[in-house]
Protein backbone atom coordinates (compact mmCIF):
# COMPACT_ATOMS: atom_id res chain seq x y z
CA UNK A 1 -6.06 4.03 -1.23
CA UNK A 2 -3.05 6.25 -1.57
CA UNK A 3 -3.56 9.99 -1.71
CA UNK A 4 -1.17 12.43 -3.38
CA UNK A 5 1.03 14.62 -1.23
CA UNK A 6 -0.74 17.81 -2.34
CA UNK A 7 -4.13 16.50 -1.20
CA UNK A 8 -2.68 15.37 2.10
CA UNK A 9 -1.07 18.77 2.63
CA UNK A 10 -4.35 20.55 1.78
CA UNK A 11 -6.12 18.53 4.48
CA UNK A 12 -3.44 19.31 7.06
CA UNK A 13 -3.49 23.03 6.13
CA UNK A 14 -7.27 23.17 6.63
CA UNK A 15 -6.82 21.65 10.10
CA UNK A 16 -3.95 24.05 10.89
CA UNK A 17 -6.26 26.93 9.91
CA UNK A 18 -8.73 25.97 12.63
CA UNK A 19 -11.08 23.40 11.13
CA UNK A 20 -11.74 20.22 13.08
CA UNK A 21 -10.34 17.01 11.66
CA UNK A 22 -13.77 15.46 11.71
CA UNK A 23 -15.29 18.29 9.66
CA UNK A 24 -12.42 18.10 7.14
CA UNK A 25 -12.84 14.34 6.81
CA UNK A 26 -16.57 14.76 6.19
CA UNK A 27 -16.11 17.59 3.63
CA UNK A 28 -13.52 15.67 1.58
CA UNK A 29 -15.32 12.33 2.08
CA UNK A 30 -12.36 10.50 3.53
CA UNK A 31 -12.06 8.35 6.62
CA UNK A 32 -11.75 10.12 9.96
CA UNK A 33 -9.11 7.57 10.86
CA UNK A 34 -7.09 8.58 7.74
CA UNK A 35 -7.17 12.24 8.70
CA UNK A 36 -6.27 11.42 12.29
CA UNK A 37 -3.33 9.28 11.21
CA UNK A 38 -2.09 12.10 8.94
CA UNK A 39 -2.18 14.47 11.90
CA UNK A 40 -0.10 12.04 13.96
CA UNK A 41 2.33 11.37 11.10
CA UNK A 42 2.23 14.23 8.58
CA UNK A 43 4.98 12.84 6.32
CA UNK A 44 4.10 9.92 4.02
CA UNK A 45 6.18 6.78 4.50
CA UNK A 46 6.91 6.22 0.82
CA UNK A 47 7.83 2.88 -0.70
CA UNK A 48 9.88 0.20 0.92
CA UNK A 49 12.10 -2.22 -0.88
CA UNK A 50 11.09 -5.84 -1.12
CA UNK A 51 13.13 -8.40 0.70
CA UNK A 52 15.46 -10.34 -1.58
CA UNK A 53 14.28 -13.78 -2.57
CA UNK A 54 15.65 -16.61 -0.46
CA UNK A 55 16.41 -18.57 -3.63
CA UNK A 56 18.27 -17.12 -6.56
CA UNK A 57 16.70 -17.00 -10.04
CA UNK A 58 18.81 -19.79 -11.49
CA UNK A 59 17.98 -22.21 -8.68
CA UNK A 60 14.27 -21.33 -9.00
CA UNK A 61 14.34 -22.14 -12.72
CA UNK A 62 15.95 -25.51 -11.98
CA UNK A 63 13.27 -26.36 -9.42
CA UNK A 64 10.48 -25.26 -11.73
CA UNK A 65 11.81 -27.25 -14.66
CA UNK A 66 12.24 -30.40 -12.60
CA UNK A 67 8.56 -30.65 -11.63
CA UNK A 68 7.44 -34.22 -12.26
CA UNK A 69 3.87 -34.13 -10.99
CA UNK A 70 1.19 -32.99 -13.44
CA UNK A 71 -1.16 -30.23 -12.47
CA UNK A 72 -4.95 -30.78 -12.38
CA UNK A 73 -5.45 -29.45 -15.92
CA UNK A 74 -2.86 -31.90 -17.27
CA UNK A 75 -4.53 -34.79 -15.44
CA UNK A 76 -7.92 -33.89 -16.96
CA UNK A 77 -6.50 -34.05 -20.49
């Protein structure tokens, strides 16, 4: 589950104000591991780009259209 930055910052502020990370995790009902990992890395990673496909779209369409073997549903009919 992804938490919003404001919630994450609220958790880290509570810990900075003297509360234990275990108590904060219990109060907000989140995993102790999640809180611990936020302490170690307080900045969210964000999104990463997907790797480009190894085959371009045009070549993929050619391969898909040249399928000669029927699928199980087609065999049943």
